[in-house]
PDB file of N, CA and C in Angstrom:
ATOM      1  N   MET A   1      25.528  -0.049 -32.307  1.00  0.00           N
ATOM      2  CA  MET A   1      24.193   0.009 -31.829  1.00  0.00           C
ATOM      3  C   MET A   1      23.511   1.126 -31.284  1.00  0.00           C
ATOM      4  N   LYS A   2      24.353   1.718 -30.723  1.00  0.00           N
ATOM      5  CA  LYS A   2      23.859   3.161 -30.119  1.00  0.00           C
ATOM      6  C   LYS A   2      23.483   3.922 -31.317  1.00  0.00           C
ATOM      7  N   GLU A   3      24.078   4.058 -32.278  1.00  0.00           N
ATOM      8  CA  GLU A   3      24.019   5.082 -33.573  1.00  0.00           C
ATOM      9  C   GLU A   3      22.459   4.481 -33.936  1.00  0.00           C
ATOM     10  N   ALA A   4      22.286   3.092 -33.982  1.00  0.00           N
ATOM     11  CA  ALA A   4      20.923   2.772 -34.572  1.00  0.00           C
ATOM     12  C   ALA A   4      19.765   3.085 -33.471  1.00  0.00           C
ATOM     13  N   VAL A   5      20.152   3.075 -32.251  1.00  0.00           N
ATOM     14  CA  VAL A   5      18.900   3.869 -31.371  1.00  0.00           C
ATOM     15  C   VAL A   5      19.032   5.117 -31.413  1.00  0.00           C
ATOM     16  N   LYS A   6      20.083   5.996 -31.591  1.00  0.00           N
ATOM     17  CA  LYS A   6      19.614   7.610 -32.012  1.00  0.00           C
ATOM     18  C   LYS A   6      19.027   7.668 -33.258  1.00  0.00           C
ATOM     19  N   THR A   7      19.537   7.378 -34.212  1.00  0.00           N
ATOM     20  CA  THR A   7      18.762   7.297 -35.775  1.00  0.00           C
ATOM     21  C   THR A   7      17.165   6.920 -35.401  1.00  0.00           C
ATOM     22  N   SER A   8      16.914   5.616 -34.987  1.00  0.00           N
ATOM     23  CA  SER A   8      15.568   5.565 -34.703  1.00  0.00           C
ATOM     24  C   SER A   8      14.835   6.340 -33.802  1.00  0.00           C
ATOM     25  N   LEU A   9      15.632   6.964 -32.839  1.00  0.00           N
ATOM     26  CA  LEU A   9      14.835   7.889 -32.146  1.00  0.00           C
ATOM     27  C   LEU A   9      14.649   9.136 -32.919  1.00  0.00           C
ATOM     28  N   LEU A  10      15.335   9.566 -33.889  1.00  0.00           N
ATOM     29  CA  LEU A  10      15.285  10.513 -34.506  1.00  0.00           C
ATOM     30  C   LEU A  10      14.067  10.433 -35.615  1.00  0.00           C
ATOM     31  N   GLY A  11      14.101   9.289 -36.046  1.00  0.00           N
ATOM     32  CA  GLY A  11      13.098   9.059 -37.312  1.00  0.00           C
ATOM     33  C   GLY A  11      11.601   8.953 -36.641  1.00  0.00           C
ATOM     34  N   GLY A  12      11.678   8.168 -35.533  1.00  0.00           N
ATOM     35  CA  GLY A  12      10.095   8.161 -34.719  1.00  0.00           C
ATOM     36  C   GLY A  12       9.657   9.515 -34.351  1.00  0.00           C
ATOM     37  N   ILE A  13      10.582  10.465 -33.977  1.00  0.00           N
ATOM     38  CA  ILE A  13      10.001  11.600 -33.721  1.00  0.00           C
ATOM     39  C   ILE A  13       9.566  12.786 -35.077  1.00  0.00           C
ATOM     40  N   MET A  14      10.602  12.398 -35.953  1.00  0.00           N
ATOM     41  CA  MET A  14       9.856  13.002 -37.302  1.00  0.00           C
ATOM     42  C   MET A  14       8.611  12.360 -37.628  1.00  0.00           C
ATOM     43  N   GLY A  15       8.795  10.995 -37.431  1.00  0.00           N
ATOM     44  CA  GLY A  15       7.388  10.254 -38.024  1.00  0.00           C
ATOM     45  C   GLY A  15       5.994  11.021 -36.850  1.00  0.00           C
ATOM     46  N   PHE A  16       6.756  11.033 -35.780  1.00  0.00           N
ATOM     47  CA  PHE A  16       5.176  11.763 -35.188  1.00  0.00           C
ATOM     48  C   PHE A  16       4.934  13.111 -35.423  1.00  0.00           C
ATOM     49  N   LEU A  17       5.948  13.637 -35.408  1.00  0.00           N
ATOM     50  CA  LEU A  17       5.444  15.570 -36.122  1.00  0.00           C
ATOM     51  C   LEU A  17       4.488  15.216 -37.245  1.00  0.00           C
ATOM     52  N   ILE A  18       5.130  14.168 -38.475  1.00  0.00           N
ATOM     53  CA  ILE A  18       4.432  14.595 -40.028  1.00  0.00           C
ATOM     54  C   ILE A  18       3.018  14.235 -39.254  1.00  0.00           C
ATOM     55  N   SER A  19       2.906  12.970 -38.562  1.00  0.00           N
ATOM     56  CA  SER A  19       1.559  12.305 -38.487  1.00  0.00           C
ATOM     57  C   SER A  19       0.603  13.509 -37.666  1.00  0.00           C
ATOM     58  N   PHE A  20       1.294  13.947 -36.794  1.00  0.00           N
ATOM     59  CA  PHE A  20       0.261  14.825 -36.004  1.00  0.00           C
ATOM     60  C   PHE A  20       0.250  16.138 -36.907  1.00  0.00           C
ATOM     61  N   LEU A  21       1.204  16.685 -37.781  1.00  0.00           N
ATOM     62  CA  LEU A  21       0.654  17.775 -38.495  1.00  0.00           C
ATOM     63  C   LEU A  21      -0.451  17.327 -39.664  1.00  0.00           C
ATOM     64  N   LEU A  22      -0.075  16.188 -40.203  1.00  0.00           N
ATOM     65  CA  LEU A  22      -1.179  15.661 -41.135  1.00  0.00           C
ATOM     66  C   LEU A  22      -2.750  15.450 -40.804  1.00  0.00           C
ATOM     67  N   ASN A  23      -2.771  15.065 -39.527  1.00  0.00           N
ATOM     68  CA  ASN A  23      -3.985  15.238 -38.700  1.00  0.00           C
ATOM     69  C   ASN A  23      -4.757  16.322 -38.342  1.00  0.00           C
ATOM     70  N   TRP A  24      -3.595  17.287 -37.615  1.00  0.00           N
ATOM     71  CA  TRP A  24      -4.358  18.577 -37.702  1.00  0.00           C
ATOM     72  C   TRP A  24      -4.458  19.410 -38.569  1.00  0.00           C
ATOM     73  N   LEU A  25      -3.551  19.685 -39.481  1.00  0.00           N
ATOM     74  CA  LEU A  25      -3.748  20.297 -40.679  1.00  0.00           C
ATOM     75  C   LEU A  25      -4.465  20.069 -41.883  1.00  0.00           C
ATOM     76  N   LEU A  26      -4.387  18.661 -42.312  1.00  0.00           N
ATOM     77  CA  LEU A  26      -4.580  18.202 -43.566  1.00  0.00           C
ATOM     78  C   LEU A  26      -6.097  17.550 -43.780  1.00  0.00           C
ATOM     79  N   ILE A  27      -5.938  16.438 -42.569  1.00  0.00           N
ATOM     80  CA  ILE A  27      -7.095  15.553 -42.777  1.00  0.00           C
ATOM     81  C   ILE A  27      -8.366  16.151 -41.658  1.00  0.00           C
ATOM     82  N   PRO A  28      -9.248  16.275 -42.542  1.00  0.00           N
ATOM     83  CA  PRO A  28     -10.297  16.939 -41.531  1.00  0.00           C
ATOM     84  C   PRO A  28     -11.054  15.954 -40.612  1.00  0.00           C
ATOM     85  N   MET A  29     -11.900  16.445 -39.573  1.00  0.00           N
ATOM     86  CA  MET A  29     -12.420  15.540 -38.686  1.00  0.00           C
ATOM     87  C   MET A  29     -13.374  14.378 -39.186  1.00  0.00           C
ATOM     88  N   PRO A  30     -13.234  13.218 -38.970  1.00  0.00           N
ATOM     89  CA  PRO A  30     -14.039  12.171 -39.632  1.00  0.00           C
ATOM     90  C   PRO A  30     -15.379  12.085 -39.227  1.00  0.00           C
ATOM     91  N   GLU A  31     -16.260  11.724 -40.045  1.00  0.00           N
ATOM     92  CA  GLU A  31     -17.595  11.550 -39.807  1.00  0.00           C
ATOM     93  C   GLU A  31     -18.016  10.155 -39.530  1.00  0.00           C
ATOM     94  N   THR A  32     -17.308   9.245 -39.889  1.00  0.00           N
ATOM     95  CA  THR A  32     -17.673   8.042 -39.519  1.00  0.00           C
ATOM     96  C   THR A  32     -16.247   7.334 -38.923  1.00  0.00           C
ATOM     97  N   ILE A  33     -16.513   6.000 -38.321  1.00  0.00           N
ATOM     98  CA  ILE A  33     -15.593   5.085 -37.802  1.00  0.00           C
ATOM     99  C   ILE A  33     -14.528   4.857 -38.869  1.00  0.00           C
ATOM    100  N   LEU A  34     -15.032   4.562 -40.325  1.00  0.00           N
ATOM    101  CA  LEU A  34     -13.962   4.284 -41.425  1.00  0.00           C
ATOM    102  C   LEU A  34     -13.427   5.132 -41.689  1.00  0.00           C
ATOM    103  N   ALA A  35     -13.847   6.318 -41.967  1.00  0.00           N
ATOM    104  CA  ALA A  35     -13.253   7.663 -42.248  1.00  0.00           C
ATOM    105  C   ALA A  35     -12.023   7.613 -41.124  1.00  0.00           C
ATOM    106  N   ASN A  36     -12.615   7.388 -39.912  1.00  0.00           N
ATOM    107  CA  ASN A  36     -11.262   7.975 -38.771  1.00  0.00           C
ATOM    108  C   ASN A  36     -10.139   6.842 -38.992  1.00  0.00           C
ATOM    109  N   GLY A  37     -10.587   5.804 -39.356  1.00  0.00           N
ATOM    110  CA  GLY A  37      -9.398   4.410 -39.614  1.00  0.00           C
ATOM    111  C   GLY A  37      -8.805   4.629 -40.723  1.00  0.00           C
ATOM    112  N   LEU A  38      -9.267   5.141 -41.825  1.00  0.00           N
ATOM    113  CA  LEU A  38      -8.427   5.439 -42.926  1.00  0.00           C
ATOM    114  C   LEU A  38      -7.629   6.710 -42.833  1.00  0.00           C
ATOM    115  N   GLY A  39      -8.066   7.492 -42.053  1.00  0.00           N
ATOM    116  CA  GLY A  39      -7.607   8.796 -41.771  1.00  0.00           C
ATOM    117  C   GLY A  39      -6.027   8.462 -41.184  1.00  0.00           C
ATOM    118  N   ASN A  40      -6.594   7.692 -39.913  1.00  0.00           N
ATOM    119  CA  ASN A  40      -5.410   7.035 -38.929  1.00  0.00           C
ATOM    120  C   ASN A  40      -4.160   6.220 -39.764  1.00  0.00           C
ATOM    121  N   GLY A  41      -4.677   5.514 -40.713  1.00  0.00           N
ATOM    122  CA  GLY A  41      -4.083   4.534 -41.165  1.00  0.00           C
ATOM    123  C   GLY A  41      -3.144   5.664 -42.538  1.00  0.00           C
ATOM    124  N   LEU A  42      -3.427   6.422 -42.703  1.00  0.00           N
ATOM    125  CA  LEU A  42      -2.893   7.008 -44.112  1.00  0.00           C
ATOM    126  C   LEU A  42      -2.018   7.815 -43.301  1.00  0.00           C
ATOM    127  N   SER A  43      -2.232   8.725 -42.044  1.00  0.00           N
ATOM    128  CA  SER A  43      -0.985   9.523 -41.574  1.00  0.00           C
ATOM    129  C   SER A  43       0.091   8.597 -40.937  1.00  0.00           C
ATOM    130  N   GLY A  44      -0.861   7.353 -40.642  1.00  0.00           N
ATOM    131  CA  GLY A  44       0.537   6.252 -40.055  1.00  0.00           C
ATOM    132  C   GLY A  44       1.557   5.793 -41.334  1.00  0.00           C
ATOM    133  N   LEU A  45       0.949   5.679 -42.396  1.00  0.00           N
ATOM    134  CA  LEU A  45       1.604   5.168 -43.307  1.00  0.00           C
ATOM    135  C   LEU A  45       2.732   6.183 -43.987  1.00  0.00           C
ATOM    136  N   ILE A  46       2.353   7.538 -43.814  1.00  0.00           N
ATOM    137  CA  ILE A  46       3.123   8.913 -44.574  1.00  0.00           C
ATOM    138  C   ILE A  46       4.048   8.864 -43.362  1.00  0.00           C
ATOM    139  N   SER A  47       3.805   8.751 -42.286  1.00  0.00           N
ATOM    140  CA  SER A  47       4.918   9.071 -41.047  1.00  0.00           C
ATOM    141  C   SER A  47       5.825   8.213 -40.859  1.00  0.00           C
ATOM    142  N   GLY A  48       5.287   6.756 -40.733  1.00  0.00           N
ATOM    143  CA  GLY A  48       6.215   5.878 -40.969  1.00  0.00           C
ATOM    144  C   GLY A  48       7.249   5.840 -42.118  1.00  0.00           C
ATOM    145  N   PHE A  49       6.973   5.924 -43.190  1.00  0.00           N
ATOM    146  CA  PHE A  49       7.673   5.856 -44.383  1.00  0.00           C
ATOM    147  C   PHE A  49       8.690   7.157 -43.901  1.00  0.00           C
ATOM    148  N   MET A  50       8.198   8.421 -43.874  1.00  0.00           N
ATOM    149  CA  MET A  50       9.097   9.244 -43.664  1.00  0.00           C
ATOM    150  C   MET A  50      10.056   9.455 -42.604  1.00  0.00           C
ATOM    151  N   GLY A  51       9.550   9.045 -41.531  1.00  0.00           N
ATOM    152  CA  GLY A  51      10.302   8.751 -40.222  1.00  0.00           C
ATOM    153  C   GLY A  51      11.736   7.482 -40.742  1.00  0.00           C
ATOM    154  N   GLY A  52      11.368   6.427 -41.199  1.00  0.00           N
ATOM    155  CA  GLY A  52      12.259   5.322 -41.744  1.00  0.00           C
ATOM    156  C   GLY A  52      13.119   5.904 -42.710  1.00  0.00           C
ATOM    157  N   PHE A  53      12.857   6.975 -43.656  1.00  0.00           N
ATOM    158  CA  PHE A  53      13.602   7.426 -44.923  1.00  0.00           C
ATOM    159  C   PHE A  53      14.456   8.268 -43.848  1.00  0.00           C
ATOM    160  N   ILE A  54      13.986   9.160 -43.316  1.00  0.00           N
ATOM    161  CA  ILE A  54      14.846  10.418 -42.380  1.00  0.00           C
ATOM    162  C   ILE A  54      15.702   9.720 -41.548  1.00  0.00           C
ATOM    163  N   GLY A  55      15.697   8.387 -41.044  1.00  0.00           N
ATOM    164  CA  GLY A  55      16.369   7.696 -39.740  1.00  0.00           C
ATOM    165  C   GLY A  55      17.565   7.073 -41.003  1.00  0.00           C
ATOM    166  N   LEU A  56      17.156   6.581 -42.216  1.00  0.00           N
ATOM    167  CA  LEU A  56      18.054   6.083 -43.018  1.00  0.00           C
ATOM    168  C   LEU A  56      19.002   7.149 -43.528  1.00  0.00           C
ATOM    169  N   LEU A  57      18.531   8.121 -43.974  1.00  0.00           N
ATOM    170  CA  LEU A  57      19.451   9.221 -44.599  1.00  0.00           C
ATOM    171  C   LEU A  57      20.283   9.467 -43.621  1.00  0.00           C
ATOM    172  N   VAL A  58      19.825   9.657 -42.191  1.00  0.00           N
ATOM    173  CA  VAL A  58      21.299   9.960 -41.234  1.00  0.00           C
ATOM    174  C   VAL A  58      21.804   8.918 -40.781  1.00  0.00           C
ATOM    175  N   TYR A  59      21.398   7.859 -40.932  1.00  0.00           N
ATOM    176  CA  TYR A  59      22.695   6.902 -40.823  1.00  0.00           C
ATOM    177  C   TYR A  59      23.503   6.478 -41.849  1.00  0.00           C
ATOM    178  N   LEU A  60      23.163   6.752 -43.185  1.00  0.00           N
ATOM    179  CA  LEU A  60      23.985   7.080 -44.427  1.00  0.00           C
ATOM    180  C   LEU A  60      25.066   7.966 -44.436  1.00  0.00           C
ATOM    181  N   LYS A  61      24.388   9.462 -43.958  1.00  0.00           N
ATOM    182  CA  LYS A  61      25.447  10.290 -43.708  1.00  0.00           C
ATOM    183  C   LYS A  61      26.266  10.285 -42.481  1.00  0.00           C
ATOM    184  N   LYS A  62      25.982   9.724 -41.542  1.00  0.00           N
ATOM    185  CA  LYS A  62      26.964   9.445 -40.572  1.00  0.00           C
ATOM    186  C   LYS A  62      27.930   8.091 -40.639  1.00  0.00           C
ATOM    187  N   SER A  63      27.638   7.091 -41.553  1.00  0.00           N
ATOM    188  CA  SER A  63      28.338   6.381 -41.973  1.00  0.00           C
ATOM    189  C   SER A  63      29.278   6.639 -43.004  1.00  0.00           C
ATOM    190  N   SER A  64      28.927   7.603 -43.905  1.00  0.00           N
ATOM    191  CA  SER A  64      29.817   7.861 -44.891  1.00  0.00           C
ATOM    192  C   SER A  64      30.879   8.886 -44.101  1.00  0.00           C
ATOM    193  N   GLY A  65      30.531   9.362 -43.694  1.00  0.00           N
ATOM    194  CA  GLY A  65      31.315  10.415 -42.517  1.00  0.00           C
ATOM    195  C   GLY A  65      32.352   9.812 -41.933  1.00  0.00           C
ATOM    196  N   LYS A  66      31.929   8.270 -41.024  1.00  0.00           N
ATOM    197  CA  LYS A  66      33.122   7.743 -40.699  1.00  0.00           C
ATOM    198  C   LYS A  66      33.984   6.924 -41.696  1.00  0.00           C
ATOM    199  N   LYS A  67      33.700   6.411 -42.633  1.00  0.00           N
ATOM    200  CA  LYS A  67      34.273   6.343 -44.092  1.00  0.00           C
ATOM    201  C   LYS A  67      35.362   7.178 -44.320  1.00  0.00           C
ATOM    202  N   ASN A  68      34.908   8.077 -44.408  1.00  0.00           N
ATOM    203  CA  ASN A  68      35.994   9.493 -44.956  1.00  0.00           C
ATOM    204  C   ASN A  68      37.089   9.607 -43.978  1.00  0.00           C
ATOM    205  N   GLU A  69      36.736   9.214 -42.398  1.00  0.00           N
ATOM    206  CA  GLU A  69      37.845   9.601 -41.346  1.00  0.00           C
ATOM    207  C   GLU A  69      38.791   8.487 -41.470  1.00  0.00           C
ATOM    208  N   ARG A  70      38.247   7.404 -41.670  1.00  0.00           N
ATOM    209  CA  ARG A  70      39.047   5.974 -42.021  1.00  0.00           C
ATOM    210  C   ARG A  70      40.163   6.361 -42.978  1.00  0.00           C
ATOM    211  N   ALA A  71      39.513   6.656 -44.018  1.00  0.00           N
ATOM    212  CA  ALA A  71      40.642   7.018 -45.164  1.00  0.00           C
ATOM    213  C   ALA A  71      41.495   7.822 -45.103  1.00  0.00           C
ATOM    214  N   ASN A  72      41.117   8.845 -44.568  1.00  0.00           N
ATOM    215  CA  ASN A  72      42.287  10.093 -44.394  1.00  0.00           C
ATOM    216  C   ASN A  72      43.363   9.411 -43.072  1.00  0.00           C
TER     217      ASN A  72
END
């Protein structure tokens, strides 16, 4: 359970950073409320995916390392 919390926290931090950078560097200031909502939705989608993906990769790496330790 501790590993899941640590991995989720790492994925959340990475998702935050990706979302922040997308909004700061790539997505221009919106002119309408609809454009603002679409920009926030897009950055949330990308950062959520990347955060979850990074968290999954970290989990898989840690779990495969434990399997190798048990095998030896």
